[in-house]
Amino acid sequence: ALPFPKKLKRLPVVAASHHKKVKGGGYGALEIMDLPMTLEDKILAVSDVFEALTANDRPYKKANSLNTSLRILSFMVKDGDLDKDLVKFFVDKELHLEYADKHLSEEQKDEITVDFNNI
């Protein structure tokens, strides 16, 4: 295994945890599935899901619009898959819009109708 600098020593665990769910389950390396999710794990999970939903470079699926992607995130929060406070932070700080400006096509940037105050 490659030696990581001390500040990055958890990087392999965080990377292996990005498909875990807040409520438990998901998938990842068996050695880490029973470990509680850290803040870093939860941040990567939200980021990974949002990127996957909006990605337009995947031949097996069509890229979702911004509103559809946020609606799916809200369902995942309600189902206990993603951390509610982190998703709300992501929206409240308009990180989704910052990402959209850099990475989404104009047709993906639709009107946002999802209300994250009621999730």
PDB file of N, CA and C in Angstrom:
ATOM      1  N   ALA A   1       0.840  -1.186   0.000  1.00  0.00           N
ATOM      2  CA  ALA A   1       0.000   0.000   0.000  1.00  0.00           C
ATOM      3  C   ALA A   1       0.879   1.242   0.000  1.00  0.00           C
ATOM      4  N   LEU A   2       0.379   2.271  -0.642  1.00  0.00           N
ATOM      5  CA  LEU A   2       1.108   3.535  -0.675  1.00  0.00           C
ATOM      6  C   LEU A   2       1.020   4.225   0.676  1.00  0.00           C
ATOM      7  N   PRO A   3       2.117   4.780   1.148  1.00  0.00           N
ATOM      8  CA  PRO A   3       2.043   5.545   2.394  1.00  0.00           C
ATOM      9  C   PRO A   3       1.418   6.912   2.114  1.00  0.00           C
ATOM     10  N   PHE A   4       0.446   7.288   2.924  1.00  0.00           N
ATOM     11  CA  PHE A   4      -0.195   8.587   2.781  1.00  0.00           C
ATOM     12  C   PHE A   4       0.360   9.544   3.826  1.00  0.00           C
ATOM     13  N   PRO A   5       0.437  10.828   3.506  1.00  0.00           N
ATOM     14  CA  PRO A   5       0.783  11.801   4.543  1.00  0.00           C
ATOM     15  C   PRO A   5      -0.264  11.720   5.661  1.00  0.00           C
ATOM     16  N   LYS A   6       0.120  12.093   6.863  1.00  0.00           N
ATOM     17  CA  LYS A   6      -0.784  11.969   8.008  1.00  0.00           C
ATOM     18  C   LYS A   6      -2.136  12.619   7.754  1.00  0.00           C
ATOM     19  N   LYS A   7      -2.143  13.803   7.142  1.00  0.00           N
ATOM     20  CA  LYS A   7      -3.415  14.501   6.939  1.00  0.00           C
ATOM     21  C   LYS A   7      -4.313  13.782   5.924  1.00  0.00           C
ATOM     22  N   LEU A   8      -3.764  12.862   5.157  1.00  0.00           N
ATOM     23  CA  LEU A   8      -4.557  12.127   4.163  1.00  0.00           C
ATOM     24  C   LEU A   8      -4.703  10.647   4.500  1.00  0.00           C
ATOM     25  N   LYS A   9      -4.337  10.249   5.701  1.00  0.00           N
ATOM     26  CA  LYS A   9      -4.326   8.816   6.016  1.00  0.00           C
ATOM     27  C   LYS A   9      -5.718   8.180   5.953  1.00  0.00           C
ATOM     28  N   ARG A  10      -6.788   8.968   6.143  1.00  0.00           N
ATOM     29  CA  ARG A  10      -8.143   8.420   6.073  1.00  0.00           C
ATOM     30  C   ARG A  10      -8.694   8.398   4.646  1.00  0.00           C
ATOM     31  N   LEU A  11      -7.965   8.943   3.697  1.00  0.00           N
ATOM     32  CA  LEU A  11      -8.455   9.045   2.326  1.00  0.00           C
ATOM     33  C   LEU A  11      -8.945   7.720   1.753  1.00  0.00           C
ATOM     34  N   PRO A  12      -8.228   6.617   1.895  1.00  0.00           N
ATOM     35  CA  PRO A  12      -8.751   5.355   1.351  1.00  0.00           C
ATOM     36  C   PRO A  12     -10.077   4.926   1.990  1.00  0.00           C
ATOM     37  N   VAL A  13     -10.232   5.171   3.286  1.00  0.00           N
ATOM     38  CA  VAL A  13     -11.481   4.802   3.968  1.00  0.00           C
ATOM     39  C   VAL A  13     -12.624   5.695   3.500  1.00  0.00           C
ATOM     40  N   VAL A  14     -12.367   6.994   3.384  1.00  0.00           N
ATOM     41  CA  VAL A  14     -13.400   7.923   2.907  1.00  0.00           C
ATOM     42  C   VAL A  14     -13.813   7.546   1.485  1.00  0.00           C
ATOM     43  N   ALA A  15     -12.849   7.299   0.628  1.00  0.00           N
ATOM     44  CA  ALA A  15     -13.157   6.924  -0.756  1.00  0.00           C
ATOM     45  C   ALA A  15     -13.956   5.629  -0.821  1.00  0.00           C
ATOM     46  N   ALA A  16     -13.633   4.692   0.035  1.00  0.00           N
ATOM     47  CA  ALA A  16     -14.343   3.406   0.038  1.00  0.00           C
ATOM     48  C   ALA A  16     -15.723   3.513   0.672  1.00  0.00           C
ATOM     49  N   SER A  17     -16.010   4.628   1.334  1.00  0.00           N
ATOM     50  CA  SER A  17     -17.283   4.793   2.045  1.00  0.00           C
ATOM     51  C   SER A  17     -18.320   5.584   1.262  1.00  0.00           C
ATOM     52  N   HIS A  18     -18.000   6.058   0.077  1.00  0.00           N
ATOM     53  CA  HIS A  18     -18.890   7.005  -0.583  1.00  0.00           C
ATOM     54  C   HIS A  18     -20.215   6.408  -1.051  1.00  0.00           C
ATOM     55  N   HIS A  19     -20.372   5.100  -1.012  1.00  0.00           N
ATOM     56  CA  HIS A  19     -21.657   4.489  -1.358  1.00  0.00           C
ATOM     57  C   HIS A  19     -22.424   4.014  -0.129  1.00  0.00           C
ATOM     58  N   LYS A  20     -21.897   4.319   1.046  1.00  0.00           N
ATOM     59  CA  LYS A  20     -22.615   3.964   2.268  1.00  0.00           C
ATOM     60  C   LYS A  20     -23.796   4.913   2.445  1.00  0.00           C
ATOM     61  N   LYS A  21     -24.787   4.473   3.195  1.00  0.00           N
ATOM     62  CA  LYS A  21     -25.967   5.288   3.455  1.00  0.00           C
ATOM     63  C   LYS A  21     -25.992   5.686   4.925  1.00  0.00           C
ATOM     64  N   VAL A  22     -26.538   6.867   5.201  1.00  0.00           N
ATOM     65  CA  VAL A  22     -26.611   7.363   6.569  1.00  0.00           C
ATOM     66  C   VAL A  22     -27.375   6.384   7.455  1.00  0.00           C
ATOM     67  N   LYS A  23     -28.453   5.812   6.925  1.00  0.00           N
ATOM     68  CA  LYS A  23     -29.276   4.886   7.717  1.00  0.00           C
ATOM     69  C   LYS A  23     -28.634   3.504   7.849  1.00  0.00           C
ATOM     70  N   GLY A  24     -27.499   3.324   7.187  1.00  0.00           N
ATOM     71  CA  GLY A  24     -26.850   2.015   7.163  1.00  0.00           C
ATOM     72  C   GLY A  24     -27.073   1.362   5.815  1.00  0.00           C
ATOM     73  N   GLY A  25     -26.232   0.444   5.488  1.00  0.00           N
ATOM     74  CA  GLY A  25     -26.345  -0.233   4.201  1.00  0.00           C
ATOM     75  C   GLY A  25     -25.553   0.487   3.138  1.00  0.00           C
ATOM     76  N   GLY A  26     -25.948   0.284   1.904  1.00  0.00           N
ATOM     77  CA  GLY A  26     -25.164   0.759   0.785  1.00  0.00           C
ATOM     78  C   GLY A  26     -24.154  -0.310   0.442  1.00  0.00           C
ATOM     79  N   TYR A  27     -23.076   0.101  -0.165  1.00  0.00           N
ATOM     80  CA  TYR A  27     -22.036  -0.883  -0.419  1.00  0.00           C
ATOM     81  C   TYR A  27     -20.663  -0.238  -0.324  1.00  0.00           C
ATOM     82  N   GLY A  28     -19.702  -1.065  -0.093  1.00  0.00           N
ATOM     83  CA  GLY A  28     -18.319  -0.630   0.064  1.00  0.00           C
ATOM     84  C   GLY A  28     -17.512  -1.800   0.569  1.00  0.00           C
ATOM     85  N   ALA A  29     -16.297  -1.533   0.931  1.00  0.00           N
ATOM     86  CA  ALA A  29     -15.434  -2.586   1.456  1.00  0.00           C
ATOM     87  C   ALA A  29     -16.035  -3.139   2.746  1.00  0.00           C
ATOM     88  N   LEU A  30     -16.108  -4.440   2.848  1.00  0.00           N
ATOM     89  CA  LEU A  30     -16.722  -5.076   4.017  1.00  0.00           C
ATOM     90  C   LEU A  30     -16.075  -4.638   5.324  1.00  0.00           C
ATOM     91  N   GLU A  31     -14.791  -4.343   5.286  1.00  0.00           N
ATOM     92  CA  GLU A  31     -14.072  -3.956   6.501  1.00  0.00           C
ATOM     93  C   GLU A  31     -14.585  -2.654   7.097  1.00  0.00           C
ATOM     94  N   ILE A  32     -15.225  -1.806   6.289  1.00  0.00           N
ATOM     95  CA  ILE A  32     -15.656  -0.497   6.780  1.00  0.00           C
ATOM     96  C   ILE A  32     -17.165  -0.351   6.896  1.00  0.00           C
ATOM     97  N   MET A  33     -17.919  -1.321   6.465  1.00  0.00           N
ATOM     98  CA  MET A  33     -19.373  -1.164   6.430  1.00  0.00           C
ATOM     99  C   MET A  33     -19.985  -0.956   7.811  1.00  0.00           C
ATOM    100  N   ASP A  34     -19.389  -1.499   8.853  1.00  0.00           N
ATOM    101  CA  ASP A  34     -19.942  -1.338  10.191  1.00  0.00           C
ATOM    102  C   ASP A  34     -19.437  -0.089  10.902  1.00  0.00           C
ATOM    103  N   LEU A  35     -18.507   0.623  10.309  1.00  0.00           N
ATOM    104  CA  LEU A  35     -18.009   1.853  10.919  1.00  0.00           C
ATOM    105  C   LEU A  35     -19.021   2.973  10.715  1.00  0.00           C
ATOM    106  N   PRO A  36     -19.212   3.842  11.716  1.00  0.00           N
ATOM    107  CA  PRO A  36     -20.121   4.976  11.520  1.00  0.00           C
ATOM    108  C   PRO A  36     -19.568   5.912  10.445  1.00  0.00           C
ATOM    109  N   MET A  37     -20.467   6.576   9.741  1.00  0.00           N
ATOM    110  CA  MET A  37     -20.040   7.514   8.704  1.00  0.00           C
ATOM    111  C   MET A  37     -19.503   8.782   9.357  1.00  0.00           C
ATOM    112  N   THR A  38     -18.354   9.220   8.898  1.00  0.00           N
ATOM    113  CA  THR A  38     -17.778  10.475   9.372  1.00  0.00           C
ATOM    114  C   THR A  38     -18.344  11.622   8.538  1.00  0.00           C
ATOM    115  N   LEU A  39     -18.052  12.840   8.955  1.00  0.00           N
ATOM    116  CA  LEU A  39     -18.472  14.007   8.186  1.00  0.00           C
ATOM    117  C   LEU A  39     -17.909  13.942   6.769  1.00  0.00           C
ATOM    118  N   GLU A  40     -16.659  13.550   6.646  1.00  0.00           N
ATOM    119  CA  GLU A  40     -16.041  13.444   5.319  1.00  0.00           C
ATOM    120  C   GLU A  40     -16.764  12.425   4.447  1.00  0.00           C
ATOM    121  N   ASP A  41     -17.133  11.287   5.042  1.00  0.00           N
ATOM    122  CA  ASP A  41     -17.875  10.257   4.303  1.00  0.00           C
ATOM    123  C   ASP A  41     -19.197  10.817   3.784  1.00  0.00           C
ATOM    124  N   LYS A  42     -19.897  11.547   4.646  1.00  0.00           N
ATOM    125  CA  LYS A  42     -21.214  12.091   4.288  1.00  0.00           C
ATOM    126  C   LYS A  42     -21.099  13.164   3.209  1.00  0.00           C
ATOM    127  N   ILE A  43     -20.069  13.995   3.307  1.00  0.00           N
ATOM    128  CA  ILE A  43     -19.849  15.030   2.289  1.00  0.00           C
ATOM    129  C   ILE A  43     -19.573  14.384   0.934  1.00  0.00           C
ATOM    130  N   LEU A  44     -18.718  13.382   0.921  1.00  0.00           N
ATOM    131  CA  LEU A  44     -18.404  12.701  -0.333  1.00  0.00           C
ATOM    132  C   LEU A  44     -19.632  11.996  -0.900  1.00  0.00           C
ATOM    133  N   ALA A  45     -20.474  11.438  -0.046  1.00  0.00           N
ATOM    134  CA  ALA A  45     -21.688  10.762  -0.516  1.00  0.00           C
ATOM    135  C   ALA A  45     -22.611  11.750  -1.230  1.00  0.00           C
ATOM    136  N   VAL A  46     -22.846  12.921  -0.625  1.00  0.00           N
ATOM    137  CA  VAL A  46     -23.709  13.932  -1.254  1.00  0.00           C
ATOM    138  C   VAL A  46     -23.093  14.398  -2.571  1.00  0.00           C
ATOM    139  N   SER A  47     -21.809  14.691  -2.551  1.00  0.00           N
ATOM    140  CA  SER A  47     -21.119  15.167  -3.756  1.00  0.00           C
ATOM    141  C   SER A  47     -21.162  14.140  -4.878  1.00  0.00           C
ATOM    142  N   ASP A  48     -20.908  12.888  -4.522  1.00  0.00           N
ATOM    143  CA  ASP A  48     -20.878  11.816  -5.516  1.00  0.00           C
ATOM    144  C   ASP A  48     -22.251  11.606  -6.144  1.00  0.00           C
ATOM    145  N   VAL A  49     -23.290  11.607  -5.334  1.00  0.00           N
ATOM    146  CA  VAL A  49     -24.649  11.411  -5.865  1.00  0.00           C
ATOM    147  C   VAL A  49     -25.022  12.565  -6.786  1.00  0.00           C
ATOM    148  N   PHE A  50     -24.772  13.801  -6.344  1.00  0.00           N
ATOM    149  CA  PHE A  50     -25.131  14.956  -7.167  1.00  0.00           C
ATOM    150  C   PHE A  50     -24.379  14.939  -8.494  1.00  0.00           C
ATOM    151  N   GLU A  51     -23.089  14.657  -8.440  1.00  0.00           N
ATOM    152  CA  GLU A  51     -22.303  14.599  -9.678  1.00  0.00           C
ATOM    153  C   GLU A  51     -22.824  13.505 -10.599  1.00  0.00           C
ATOM    154  N   ALA A  52     -23.132  12.345 -10.043  1.00  0.00           N
ATOM    155  CA  ALA A  52     -23.628  11.233 -10.859  1.00  0.00           C
ATOM    156  C   ALA A  52     -24.976  11.574 -11.496  1.00  0.00           C
ATOM    157  N   LEU A  53     -25.840  12.240 -10.752  1.00  0.00           N
ATOM    158  CA  LEU A  53     -27.157  12.595 -11.285  1.00  0.00           C
ATOM    159  C   LEU A  53     -27.070  13.599 -12.428  1.00  0.00           C
ATOM    160  N   THR A  54     -26.118  14.516 -12.354  1.00  0.00           N
ATOM    161  CA  THR A  54     -26.027  15.578 -13.354  1.00  0.00           C
ATOM    162  C   THR A  54     -25.028  15.291 -14.471  1.00  0.00           C
ATOM    163  N   ALA A  55     -24.233  14.242 -14.328  1.00  0.00           N
ATOM    164  CA  ALA A  55     -23.170  13.954 -15.300  1.00  0.00           C
ATOM    165  C   ALA A  55     -23.734  13.715 -16.696  1.00  0.00           C
ATOM    166  N   ASN A  56     -23.128  14.363 -17.669  1.00  0.00           N
ATOM    167  CA  ASN A  56     -23.570  14.185 -19.058  1.00  0.00           C
ATOM    168  C   ASN A  56     -22.574  13.372 -19.876  1.00  0.00           C
ATOM    169  N   ASP A  57     -21.625  12.736 -19.187  1.00  0.00           N
ATOM    170  CA  ASP A  57     -20.593  11.977 -19.898  1.00  0.00           C
ATOM    171  C   ASP A  57     -20.711  10.471 -19.681  1.00  0.00           C
ATOM    172  N   ARG A  58     -21.894  10.034 -19.290  1.00  0.00           N
ATOM    173  CA  ARG A  58     -22.071   8.604 -19.022  1.00  0.00           C
ATOM    174  C   ARG A  58     -22.958   8.002 -20.109  1.00  0.00           C
ATOM    175  N   PRO A  59     -22.433   7.050 -20.859  1.00  0.00           N
ATOM    176  CA  PRO A  59     -23.174   6.525 -22.006  1.00  0.00           C
ATOM    177  C   PRO A  59     -24.423   5.737 -21.631  1.00  0.00           C
ATOM    178  N   TYR A  60     -24.545   5.311 -20.397  1.00  0.00           N
ATOM    179  CA  TYR A  60     -25.659   4.463 -19.982  1.00  0.00           C
ATOM    180  C   TYR A  60     -26.841   5.246 -19.418  1.00  0.00           C
ATOM    181  N   LYS A  61     -26.740   6.579 -19.334  1.00  0.00           N
ATOM    182  CA  LYS A  61     -27.860   7.349 -18.806  1.00  0.00           C
ATOM    183  C   LYS A  61     -27.813   8.780 -19.319  1.00  0.00           C
ATOM    184  N   LYS A  62     -28.975   9.386 -19.320  1.00  0.00           N
ATOM    185  CA  LYS A  62     -29.100  10.793 -19.690  1.00  0.00           C
ATOM    186  C   LYS A  62     -28.845  11.644 -18.446  1.00  0.00           C
ATOM    187  N   ALA A  63     -28.219  12.779 -18.625  1.00  0.00           N
ATOM    188  CA  ALA A  63     -27.979  13.693 -17.507  1.00  0.00           C
ATOM    189  C   ALA A  63     -29.299  14.290 -17.035  1.00  0.00           C
ATOM    190  N   ASN A  64     -29.487  14.363 -15.737  1.00  0.00           N
ATOM    191  CA  ASN A  64     -30.685  14.975 -15.167  1.00  0.00           C
ATOM    192  C   ASN A  64     -30.530  16.487 -15.106  1.00  0.00           C
ATOM    193  N   SER A  65     -31.658  17.164 -15.090  1.00  0.00           N
ATOM    194  CA  SER A  65     -31.648  18.609 -14.894  1.00  0.00           C
ATOM    195  C   SER A  65     -31.324  18.912 -13.436  1.00  0.00           C
ATOM    196  N   LEU A  66     -31.054  20.164 -13.168  1.00  0.00           N
ATOM    197  CA  LEU A  66     -30.751  20.598 -11.809  1.00  0.00           C
ATOM    198  C   LEU A  66     -31.927  20.318 -10.880  1.00  0.00           C
ATOM    199  N   ASN A  67     -33.142  20.688 -11.286  1.00  0.00           N
ATOM    200  CA  ASN A  67     -34.313  20.475 -10.439  1.00  0.00           C
ATOM    201  C   ASN A  67     -34.574  18.993 -10.189  1.00  0.00           C
ATOM    202  N   THR A  68     -34.470  18.174 -11.223  1.00  0.00           N
ATOM    203  CA  THR A  68     -34.675  16.731 -11.056  1.00  0.00           C
ATOM    204  C   THR A  68     -33.631  16.151 -10.115  1.00  0.00           C
ATOM    205  N   SER A  69     -32.394  16.576 -10.259  1.00  0.00           N
ATOM    206  CA  SER A  69     -31.323  16.081  -9.388  1.00  0.00           C
ATOM    207  C   SER A  69     -31.576  16.463  -7.934  1.00  0.00           C
ATOM    208  N   LEU A  70     -32.002  17.693  -7.702  1.00  0.00           N
ATOM    209  CA  LEU A  70     -32.298  18.128  -6.333  1.00  0.00           C
ATOM    210  C   LEU A  70     -33.512  17.395  -5.769  1.00  0.00           C
ATOM    211  N   ARG A  71     -34.494  17.125  -6.615  1.00  0.00           N
ATOM    212  CA  ARG A  71     -35.665  16.360  -6.162  1.00  0.00           C
ATOM    213  C   ARG A  71     -35.237  14.961  -5.729  1.00  0.00           C
ATOM    214  N   ILE A  72     -34.367  14.334  -6.496  1.00  0.00           N
ATOM    215  CA  ILE A  72     -33.865  13.000  -6.134  1.00  0.00           C
ATOM    216  C   ILE A  72     -33.080  13.071  -4.825  1.00  0.00           C
ATOM    217  N   LEU A  73     -32.248  14.105  -4.655  1.00  0.00           N
ATOM    218  CA  LEU A  73     -31.533  14.272  -3.385  1.00  0.00           C
ATOM    219  C   LEU A  73     -32.515  14.384  -2.226  1.00  0.00           C
ATOM    220  N   SER A  74     -33.611  15.126  -2.423  1.00  0.00           N
ATOM    221  CA  SER A  74     -34.594  15.278  -1.338  1.00  0.00           C
ATOM    222  C   SER A  74     -35.243  13.943  -0.997  1.00  0.00           C
ATOM    223  N   PHE A  75     -35.522  13.125  -2.001  1.00  0.00           N
ATOM    224  CA  PHE A  75     -36.071  11.785  -1.739  1.00  0.00           C
ATOM    225  C   PHE A  75     -35.054  10.933  -0.979  1.00  0.00           C
ATOM    226  N   MET A  76     -33.792  11.049  -1.344  1.00  0.00           N
ATOM    227  CA  MET A  76     -32.756  10.267  -0.668  1.00  0.00           C
ATOM    228  C   MET A  76     -32.587  10.701   0.790  1.00  0.00           C
ATOM    229  N   VAL A  77     -32.794  11.987   1.065  1.00  0.00           N
ATOM    230  CA  VAL A  77     -32.776  12.463   2.454  1.00  0.00           C
ATOM    231  C   VAL A  77     -33.954  11.864   3.210  1.00  0.00           C
ATOM    232  N   LYS A  78     -35.141  11.922   2.605  1.00  0.00           N
ATOM    233  CA  LYS A  78     -36.340  11.371   3.260  1.00  0.00           C
ATOM    234  C   LYS A  78     -36.203   9.879   3.522  1.00  0.00           C
ATOM    235  N   ASP A  79     -35.503   9.182   2.631  1.00  0.00           N
ATOM    236  CA  ASP A  79     -35.300   7.733   2.792  1.00  0.00           C
ATOM    237  C   ASP A  79     -34.168   7.401   3.762  1.00  0.00           C
ATOM    238  N   GLY A  80     -33.442   8.413   4.229  1.00  0.00           N
ATOM    239  CA  GLY A  80     -32.344   8.175   5.164  1.00  0.00           C
ATOM    240  C   GLY A  80     -31.038   7.774   4.504  1.00  0.00           C
ATOM    241  N   ASP A  81     -30.938   7.996   3.200  1.00  0.00           N
ATOM    242  CA  ASP A  81     -29.714   7.630   2.486  1.00  0.00           C
ATOM    243  C   ASP A  81     -28.631   8.700   2.602  1.00  0.00           C
ATOM    244  N   LEU A  82     -29.041   9.974   2.624  1.00  0.00           N
ATOM    245  CA  LEU A  82     -28.101  11.088   2.697  1.00  0.00           C
ATOM    246  C   LEU A  82     -28.389  11.934   3.931  1.00  0.00           C
ATOM    247  N   ASP A  83     -27.380  12.636   4.404  1.00  0.00           N
ATOM    248  CA  ASP A  83     -27.496  13.480   5.587  1.00  0.00           C
ATOM    249  C   ASP A  83     -28.304  14.742   5.268  1.00  0.00           C
ATOM    250  N   LYS A  84     -29.398  14.934   5.996  1.00  0.00           N
ATOM    251  CA  LYS A  84     -30.306  16.059   5.761  1.00  0.00           C
ATOM    252  C   LYS A  84     -29.597  17.403   5.909  1.00  0.00           C
ATOM    253  N   ASP A  85     -28.835  17.571   6.982  1.00  0.00           N
ATOM    254  CA  ASP A  85     -28.177  18.856   7.226  1.00  0.00           C
ATOM    255  C   ASP A  85     -27.149  19.187   6.150  1.00  0.00           C
ATOM    256  N   LEU A  86     -26.436  18.193   5.666  1.00  0.00           N
ATOM    257  CA  LEU A  86     -25.446  18.444   4.614  1.00  0.00           C
ATOM    258  C   LEU A  86     -26.105  18.787   3.283  1.00  0.00           C
ATOM    259  N   VAL A  87     -27.188  18.107   2.950  1.00  0.00           N
ATOM    260  CA  VAL A  87     -27.893  18.424   1.701  1.00  0.00           C
ATOM    261  C   VAL A  87     -28.487  19.823   1.795  1.00  0.00           C
ATOM    262  N   LYS A  88     -29.059  20.158   2.940  1.00  0.00           N
ATOM    263  CA  LYS A  88     -29.610  21.502   3.136  1.00  0.00           C
ATOM    264  C   LYS A  88     -28.495  22.554   3.033  1.00  0.00           C
ATOM    265  N   PHE A  89     -27.343  22.289   3.632  1.00  0.00           N
ATOM    266  CA  PHE A  89     -26.193  23.189   3.527  1.00  0.00           C
ATOM    267  C   PHE A  89     -25.779  23.354   2.064  1.00  0.00           C
ATOM    268  N   PHE A  90     -25.719  22.256   1.335  1.00  0.00           N
ATOM    269  CA  PHE A  90     -25.358  22.246  -0.085  1.00  0.00           C
ATOM    270  C   PHE A  90     -26.270  23.186  -0.873  1.00  0.00           C
ATOM    271  N   VAL A  91     -27.559  23.165  -0.541  1.00  0.00           N
ATOM    272  CA  VAL A  91     -28.533  24.007  -1.237  1.00  0.00           C
ATOM    273  C   VAL A  91     -28.506  25.438  -0.699  1.00  0.00           C
ATOM    274  N   ASP A  92     -28.522  25.593   0.630  1.00  0.00           N
ATOM    275  CA  ASP A  92     -28.545  26.935   1.230  1.00  0.00           C
ATOM    276  C   ASP A  92     -27.342  27.776   0.816  1.00  0.00           C
ATOM    277  N   LYS A  93     -26.192  27.165   0.711  1.00  0.00           N
ATOM    278  CA  LYS A  93     -24.968  27.879   0.310  1.00  0.00           C
ATOM    279  C   LYS A  93     -24.821  27.960  -1.208  1.00  0.00           C
ATOM    280  N   GLU A  94     -25.836  27.461  -1.920  1.00  0.00           N
ATOM    281  CA  GLU A  94     -25.900  27.505  -3.387  1.00  0.00           C
ATOM    282  C   GLU A  94     -24.704  26.833  -4.056  1.00  0.00           C
ATOM    283  N   LEU A  95     -24.212  25.788  -3.418  1.00  0.00           N
ATOM    284  CA  LEU A  95     -23.105  25.035  -4.006  1.00  0.00           C
ATOM    285  C   LEU A  95     -23.552  24.323  -5.278  1.00  0.00           C
ATOM    286  N   HIS A  96     -24.825  23.950  -5.329  1.00  0.00           N
ATOM    287  CA  HIS A  96     -25.361  23.313  -6.537  1.00  0.00           C
ATOM    288  C   HIS A  96     -25.330  24.276  -7.723  1.00  0.00           C
ATOM    289  N   LEU A  97     -25.573  25.568  -7.457  1.00  0.00           N
ATOM    290  CA  LEU A  97     -25.547  26.558  -8.535  1.00  0.00           C
ATOM    291  C   LEU A  97     -24.116  26.836  -8.995  1.00  0.00           C
ATOM    292  N   GLU A  98     -23.204  26.874  -8.043  1.00  0.00           N
ATOM    293  CA  GLU A  98     -21.789  27.053  -8.383  1.00  0.00           C
ATOM    294  C   GLU A  98     -21.307  25.898  -9.263  1.00  0.00           C
ATOM    295  N   TYR A  99     -21.701  24.680  -8.884  1.00  0.00           N
ATOM    296  CA  TYR A  99     -21.342  23.504  -9.674  1.00  0.00           C
ATOM    297  C   TYR A  99     -21.992  23.584 -11.061  1.00  0.00           C
ATOM    298  N   ALA A 100     -23.262  23.971 -11.092  1.00  0.00           N
ATOM    299  CA  ALA A 100     -23.993  24.051 -12.360  1.00  0.00           C
ATOM    300  C   ALA A 100     -23.331  25.033 -13.319  1.00  0.00           C
ATOM    301  N   ASP A 101     -22.917  26.179 -12.804  1.00  0.00           N
ATOM    302  CA  ASP A 101     -22.270  27.179 -13.660  1.00  0.00           C
ATOM    303  C   ASP A 101     -21.006  26.641 -14.318  1.00  0.00           C
ATOM    304  N   LYS A 102     -20.311  25.778 -13.622  1.00  0.00           N
ATOM    305  CA  LYS A 102     -19.045  25.253 -14.140  1.00  0.00           C
ATOM    306  C   LYS A 102     -19.193  23.986 -14.979  1.00  0.00           C
ATOM    307  N   HIS A 103     -20.228  23.174 -14.681  1.00  0.00           N
ATOM    308  CA  HIS A 103     -20.235  21.830 -15.251  1.00  0.00           C
ATOM    309  C   HIS A 103     -21.508  21.413 -15.994  1.00  0.00           C
ATOM    310  N   LEU A 104     -22.606  22.147 -15.855  1.00  0.00           N
ATOM    311  CA  LEU A 104     -23.852  21.708 -16.485  1.00  0.00           C
ATOM    312  C   LEU A 104     -24.124  22.473 -17.771  1.00  0.00           C
ATOM    313  N   SER A 105     -24.820  21.817 -18.675  1.00  0.00           N
ATOM    314  CA  SER A 105     -25.229  22.478 -19.909  1.00  0.00           C
ATOM    315  C   SER A 105     -26.363  23.449 -19.587  1.00  0.00           C
ATOM    316  N   GLU A 106     -26.599  24.373 -20.485  1.00  0.00           N
ATOM    317  CA  GLU A 106     -27.674  25.351 -20.270  1.00  0.00           C
ATOM    318  C   GLU A 106     -29.033  24.668 -20.142  1.00  0.00           C
ATOM    319  N   GLU A 107     -29.257  23.614 -20.912  1.00  0.00           N
ATOM    320  CA  GLU A 107     -30.558  22.935 -20.844  1.00  0.00           C
ATOM    321  C   GLU A 107     -30.771  22.216 -19.512  1.00  0.00           C
ATOM    322  N   GLN A 108     -29.711  21.912 -18.796  1.00  0.00           N
ATOM    323  CA  GLN A 108     -29.843  21.273 -17.481  1.00  0.00           C
ATOM    324  C   GLN A 108     -30.195  22.281 -16.391  1.00  0.00           C
ATOM    325  N   LYS A 109     -29.952  23.552 -16.634  1.00  0.00           N
ATOM    326  CA  LYS A 109     -30.155  24.600 -15.627  1.00  0.00           C
ATOM    327  C   LYS A 109     -31.594  25.097 -15.673  1.00  0.00           C
ATOM    328  N   ASP A 110     -32.494  24.272 -15.153  1.00  0.00           N
ATOM    329  CA  ASP A 110     -33.905  24.628 -15.158  1.00  0.00           C
ATOM    330  C   ASP A 110     -34.295  25.305 -13.847  1.00  0.00           C
ATOM    331  N   GLU A 111     -35.558  25.700 -13.766  1.00  0.00           N
ATOM    332  CA  GLU A 111     -36.073  26.344 -12.553  1.00  0.00           C
ATOM    333  C   GLU A 111     -36.112  25.338 -11.407  1.00  0.00           C
ATOM    334  N   ILE A 112     -35.651  25.765 -10.260  1.00  0.00           N
ATOM    335  CA  ILE A 112     -35.635  24.899  -9.082  1.00  0.00           C
ATOM    336  C   ILE A 112     -36.922  25.102  -8.299  1.00  0.00           C
ATOM    337  N   THR A 113     -37.676  24.025  -8.150  1.00  0.00           N
ATOM    338  CA  THR A 113     -38.950  24.089  -7.428  1.00  0.00           C
ATOM    339  C   THR A 113     -38.941  23.268  -6.147  1.00  0.00           C
ATOM    340  N   VAL A 114     -37.850  22.579  -5.881  1.00  0.00           N
ATOM    341  CA  VAL A 114     -37.751  21.739  -4.687  1.00  0.00           C
ATOM    342  C   VAL A 114     -37.580  22.640  -3.470  1.00  0.00           C
ATOM    343  N   ASP A 115     -38.385  22.385  -2.429  1.00  0.00           N
ATOM    344  CA  ASP A 115     -38.308  23.154  -1.185  1.00  0.00           C
ATOM    345  C   ASP A 115     -37.599  22.319  -0.128  1.00  0.00           C
ATOM    346  N   PHE A 116     -36.373  22.693   0.181  1.00  0.00           N
ATOM    347  CA  PHE A 116     -35.591  21.926   1.149  1.00  0.00           C
ATOM    348  C   PHE A 116     -35.905  22.305   2.589  1.00  0.00           C
ATOM    349  N   ASN A 117     -36.792  23.261   2.794  1.00  0.00           N
ATOM    350  CA  ASN A 117     -37.205  23.599   4.157  1.00  0.00           C
ATOM    351  C   ASN A 117     -38.206  22.593   4.701  1.00  0.00           C
ATOM    352  N   ASN A 118     -38.773  21.777   3.830  1.00  0.00           N
ATOM    353  CA  ASN A 118     -39.801  20.817   4.252  1.00  0.00           C
ATOM    354  C   ASN A 118     -39.347  19.368   4.170  1.00  0.00           C
ATOM    355  N   ILE A 119     -38.059  19.136   4.165  1.00  0.00           N
ATOM    356  CA  ILE A 119     -37.599  17.743   4.132  1.00  0.00           C
ATOM    357  C   ILE A 119     -37.135  17.310   5.507  1.00  0.00           C
TER     358      ILE A 119
END
